[in-house]
Amino acid sequence: MQGQPSSLMEILARKAGCITLSDLRYLSPKERKQLARGIESLRSMDFSLREWNDALHYVVRAPEAPSVWEARARLIEYLDPT
């Protein structure tokens, strides 16, 4: 992940402090909450529905959402359900 992150997954990994993208699957509860807060600073429309759904599936193993707004909201909710 050198240079400016260009994909949503790279940005999420950076916000979570991950060295590799695969580390996103193994976040502690504290790291998940931190990532949820980091996602709140991202605008839904800055990324495609495909990118949001890929993140939703990869990070929290959740089904696809029908819109970028719902995918972003679900990702936050699954990461920090409190």
N, C-alpha and C. Protein backbone atom coordinates (compact mmCIF):
# COMPACT_ATOMS: atom_id res chain seq x y z
N MET A 1 0.83 -1.18 0.00
CA MET A 1 0.00 0.00 0.00
C MET A 1 0.88 1.25 0.00
N GLN A 2 1.65 1.41 -1.01
CA GLN A 2 2.52 2.57 -1.09
C GLN A 2 1.83 3.68 -1.86
N GLY A 3 2.22 4.92 -1.58
CA GLY A 3 1.62 6.04 -2.28
C GLY A 3 0.23 6.33 -1.75
N GLN A 4 -0.52 7.06 -2.53
CA GLN A 4 -1.88 7.45 -2.16
C GLN A 4 -2.84 6.28 -2.39
N PRO A 5 -3.57 5.85 -1.36
CA PRO A 5 -4.54 4.77 -1.56
C PRO A 5 -5.58 5.19 -2.60
N SER A 6 -5.93 4.27 -3.47
CA SER A 6 -6.89 4.62 -4.51
C SER A 6 -8.19 3.86 -4.39
N SER A 7 -8.17 2.72 -3.75
CA SER A 7 -9.41 1.95 -3.64
C SER A 7 -9.96 2.05 -2.22
N LEU A 8 -11.24 1.79 -2.09
CA LEU A 8 -11.87 1.81 -0.79
C LEU A 8 -11.20 0.81 0.15
N MET A 9 -10.90 -0.38 -0.32
CA MET A 9 -10.27 -1.39 0.53
C MET A 9 -8.91 -0.91 1.04
N GLU A 10 -8.13 -0.25 0.20
CA GLU A 10 -6.84 0.27 0.64
C GLU A 10 -7.02 1.35 1.70
N ILE A 11 -8.01 2.19 1.52
CA ILE A 11 -8.30 3.24 2.49
C ILE A 11 -8.75 2.63 3.81
N LEU A 12 -9.60 1.62 3.76
CA LEU A 12 -10.05 0.95 4.98
C LEU A 12 -8.88 0.31 5.71
N ALA A 13 -8.01 -0.34 4.97
CA ALA A 13 -6.84 -0.97 5.59
C ALA A 13 -5.97 0.08 6.27
N ARG A 14 -5.77 1.20 5.62
CA ARG A 14 -4.97 2.27 6.20
C ARG A 14 -5.64 2.81 7.47
N LYS A 15 -6.94 3.05 7.41
CA LYS A 15 -7.66 3.58 8.58
C LYS A 15 -7.63 2.60 9.75
N ALA A 16 -7.58 1.31 9.46
CA ALA A 16 -7.55 0.29 10.51
C ALA A 16 -6.13 0.01 10.99
N GLY A 17 -5.14 0.59 10.32
CA GLY A 17 -3.75 0.35 10.70
C GLY A 17 -3.23 -1.00 10.25
N CYS A 18 -3.82 -1.55 9.20
CA CYS A 18 -3.42 -2.87 8.69
C CYS A 18 -2.20 -2.75 7.78
N ILE A 19 -1.35 -3.75 7.85
CA ILE A 19 -0.19 -3.81 6.97
C ILE A 19 -0.61 -4.35 5.60
N THR A 20 -1.51 -5.33 5.61
CA THR A 20 -2.02 -5.91 4.37
C THR A 20 -3.54 -5.88 4.38
N LEU A 21 -4.14 -5.96 3.20
CA LEU A 21 -5.61 -5.98 3.11
C LEU A 21 -6.20 -7.17 3.86
N SER A 22 -5.52 -8.30 3.84
CA SER A 22 -6.06 -9.49 4.51
C SER A 22 -6.20 -9.29 6.02
N ASP A 23 -5.46 -8.35 6.59
CA ASP A 23 -5.57 -8.07 8.03
C ASP A 23 -6.95 -7.50 8.38
N LEU A 24 -7.66 -6.97 7.41
CA LEU A 24 -9.00 -6.42 7.67
C LEU A 24 -9.97 -7.47 8.19
N ARG A 25 -9.71 -8.72 7.89
CA ARG A 25 -10.59 -9.81 8.34
C ARG A 25 -10.37 -10.18 9.80
N TYR A 26 -9.29 -9.71 10.40
CA TYR A 26 -8.91 -10.16 11.74
C TYR A 26 -8.78 -9.01 12.73
N LEU A 27 -9.68 -8.05 12.66
CA LEU A 27 -9.62 -6.89 13.54
C LEU A 27 -10.19 -7.24 14.92
N SER A 28 -9.59 -6.67 15.93
CA SER A 28 -10.11 -6.82 17.29
C SER A 28 -11.37 -5.96 17.41
N PRO A 29 -12.17 -6.17 18.44
CA PRO A 29 -13.36 -5.33 18.63
C PRO A 29 -13.01 -3.83 18.68
N LYS A 30 -11.93 -3.49 19.32
CA LYS A 30 -11.51 -2.09 19.39
C LYS A 30 -11.14 -1.56 18.01
N GLU A 31 -10.44 -2.36 17.22
CA GLU A 31 -10.06 -1.95 15.86
C GLU A 31 -11.29 -1.84 14.96
N ARG A 32 -12.26 -2.72 15.15
CA ARG A 32 -13.49 -2.66 14.36
C ARG A 32 -14.24 -1.36 14.64
N LYS A 33 -14.32 -1.00 15.91
CA LYS A 33 -14.99 0.25 16.30
C LYS A 33 -14.25 1.45 15.70
N GLN A 34 -12.92 1.42 15.75
CA GLN A 34 -12.09 2.49 15.18
C GLN A 34 -12.33 2.59 13.68
N LEU A 35 -12.40 1.46 13.01
CA LEU A 35 -12.64 1.47 11.56
C LEU A 35 -14.02 2.02 11.25
N ALA A 36 -15.02 1.65 12.04
CA ALA A 36 -16.37 2.18 11.84
C ALA A 36 -16.36 3.70 11.91
N ARG A 37 -15.65 4.25 12.88
CA ARG A 37 -15.55 5.72 13.01
C ARG A 37 -14.82 6.31 11.79
N GLY A 38 -13.82 5.61 11.31
CA GLY A 38 -13.10 6.08 10.12
C GLY A 38 -13.98 6.08 8.88
N ILE A 39 -14.85 5.09 8.76
CA ILE A 39 -15.76 5.01 7.61
C ILE A 39 -16.75 6.17 7.64
N GLU A 40 -17.11 6.61 8.83
CA GLU A 40 -18.05 7.73 8.94
C GLU A 40 -17.49 8.99 8.29
N SER A 41 -16.18 9.09 8.15
CA SER A 41 -15.59 10.27 7.51
C SER A 41 -15.55 10.14 5.98
N LEU A 42 -15.95 8.99 5.46
CA LEU A 42 -15.95 8.77 4.00
C LEU A 42 -17.34 9.04 3.43
N ARG A 43 -17.37 9.64 2.26
CA ARG A 43 -18.65 9.90 1.59
C ARG A 43 -19.02 8.69 0.74
N SER A 44 -20.27 8.29 0.84
CA SER A 44 -20.76 7.13 0.09
C SER A 44 -20.46 7.24 -1.40
N MET A 45 -20.72 8.41 -1.96
CA MET A 45 -20.62 8.59 -3.41
C MET A 45 -19.18 8.67 -3.92
N ASP A 46 -18.21 8.70 -3.04
CA ASP A 46 -16.82 8.75 -3.49
C ASP A 46 -16.32 7.39 -3.99
N PHE A 47 -17.13 6.35 -3.78
CA PHE A 47 -16.75 5.01 -4.19
C PHE A 47 -17.95 4.34 -4.86
N SER A 48 -17.66 3.39 -5.72
CA SER A 48 -18.73 2.71 -6.45
C SER A 48 -19.47 1.72 -5.54
N LEU A 49 -20.66 1.35 -5.97
CA LEU A 49 -21.43 0.34 -5.25
C LEU A 49 -20.63 -0.96 -5.18
N ARG A 50 -19.96 -1.30 -6.25
CA ARG A 50 -19.14 -2.52 -6.27
C ARG A 50 -18.07 -2.47 -5.17
N GLU A 51 -17.39 -1.32 -5.02
CA GLU A 51 -16.36 -1.20 -3.98
C GLU A 51 -16.95 -1.33 -2.58
N TRP A 52 -18.09 -0.66 -2.35
CA TRP A 52 -18.73 -0.76 -1.03
C TRP A 52 -19.17 -2.19 -0.76
N ASN A 53 -19.77 -2.85 -1.75
CA ASN A 53 -20.21 -4.22 -1.54
C ASN A 53 -19.04 -5.18 -1.37
N ASP A 54 -17.96 -4.95 -2.09
CA ASP A 54 -16.76 -5.78 -1.90
C ASP A 54 -16.25 -5.64 -0.46
N ALA A 55 -16.21 -4.41 0.04
CA ALA A 55 -15.76 -4.18 1.41
C ALA A 55 -16.72 -4.82 2.40
N LEU A 56 -18.01 -4.67 2.16
CA LEU A 56 -19.02 -5.25 3.03
C LEU A 56 -18.84 -6.77 3.12
N HIS A 57 -18.64 -7.38 1.98
CA HIS A 57 -18.47 -8.83 1.94
C HIS A 57 -17.14 -9.26 2.56
N TYR A 58 -16.07 -8.60 2.19
CA TYR A 58 -14.73 -9.01 2.62
C TYR A 58 -14.49 -8.75 4.11
N VAL A 59 -14.84 -7.57 4.57
CA VAL A 59 -14.51 -7.17 5.95
C VAL A 59 -15.46 -7.80 6.97
N VAL A 60 -16.75 -7.80 6.68
CA VAL A 60 -17.71 -8.30 7.68
C VAL A 60 -18.52 -9.50 7.19
N ARG A 61 -18.23 -9.98 5.98
CA ARG A 61 -18.89 -11.16 5.43
C ARG A 61 -20.42 -11.01 5.39
N ALA A 62 -20.85 -9.83 5.00
CA ALA A 62 -22.28 -9.53 4.91
C ALA A 62 -22.71 -9.54 3.44
N PRO A 63 -24.01 -9.77 3.18
CA PRO A 63 -24.50 -9.76 1.81
C PRO A 63 -24.47 -8.36 1.20
N GLU A 64 -24.54 -8.33 -0.10
CA GLU A 64 -24.50 -7.06 -0.83
C GLU A 64 -25.69 -6.17 -0.46
N ALA A 65 -25.47 -4.88 -0.62
CA ALA A 65 -26.51 -3.88 -0.40
C ALA A 65 -26.93 -3.31 -1.75
N PRO A 66 -28.16 -2.77 -1.85
CA PRO A 66 -28.64 -2.25 -3.13
C PRO A 66 -28.15 -0.85 -3.48
N SER A 67 -27.55 -0.13 -2.51
CA SER A 67 -27.09 1.23 -2.80
C SER A 67 -25.80 1.51 -2.04
N VAL A 68 -25.07 2.52 -2.49
CA VAL A 68 -23.83 2.89 -1.80
C VAL A 68 -24.12 3.36 -0.37
N TRP A 69 -25.24 4.05 -0.19
CA TRP A 69 -25.59 4.56 1.14
C TRP A 69 -25.87 3.42 2.11
N GLU A 70 -26.63 2.43 1.63
CA GLU A 70 -26.95 1.30 2.50
C GLU A 70 -25.72 0.44 2.76
N ALA A 71 -24.88 0.25 1.76
CA ALA A 71 -23.66 -0.54 1.96
C ALA A 71 -22.77 0.12 3.00
N ARG A 72 -22.59 1.42 2.91
CA ARG A 72 -21.77 2.15 3.89
C ARG A 72 -22.38 2.03 5.29
N ALA A 73 -23.69 2.22 5.39
CA ALA A 73 -24.37 2.14 6.69
C ALA A 73 -24.26 0.73 7.28
N ARG A 74 -24.44 -0.28 6.45
CA ARG A 74 -24.33 -1.67 6.93
C ARG A 74 -22.92 -1.96 7.42
N LEU A 75 -21.93 -1.51 6.67
CA LEU A 75 -20.54 -1.75 7.05
C LEU A 75 -20.25 -1.15 8.43
N ILE A 76 -20.69 0.07 8.63
CA ILE A 76 -20.51 0.72 9.94
C ILE A 76 -21.24 -0.06 11.02
N GLU A 77 -22.48 -0.46 10.75
CA GLU A 77 -23.29 -1.17 11.75
C GLU A 77 -22.68 -2.52 12.09
N TYR A 78 -22.22 -3.27 11.10
CA TYR A 78 -21.62 -4.57 11.36
C TYR A 78 -20.31 -4.44 12.14
N LEU A 79 -19.55 -3.39 11.85
CA LEU A 79 -18.29 -3.19 12.56
C LEU A 79 -18.50 -2.75 13.99
N ASP A 80 -19.52 -1.93 14.22
CA ASP A 80 -19.78 -1.41 15.56
C ASP A 80 -21.29 -1.40 15.82
N PRO A 81 -21.83 -2.55 16.23
CA PRO A 81 -23.28 -2.65 16.40
C PRO A 81 -23.85 -1.92 17.61
N THR A 82 -23.01 -1.27 18.40
CA THR A 82 -23.51 -0.56 19.60
C THR A 82 -24.11 0.77 19.26
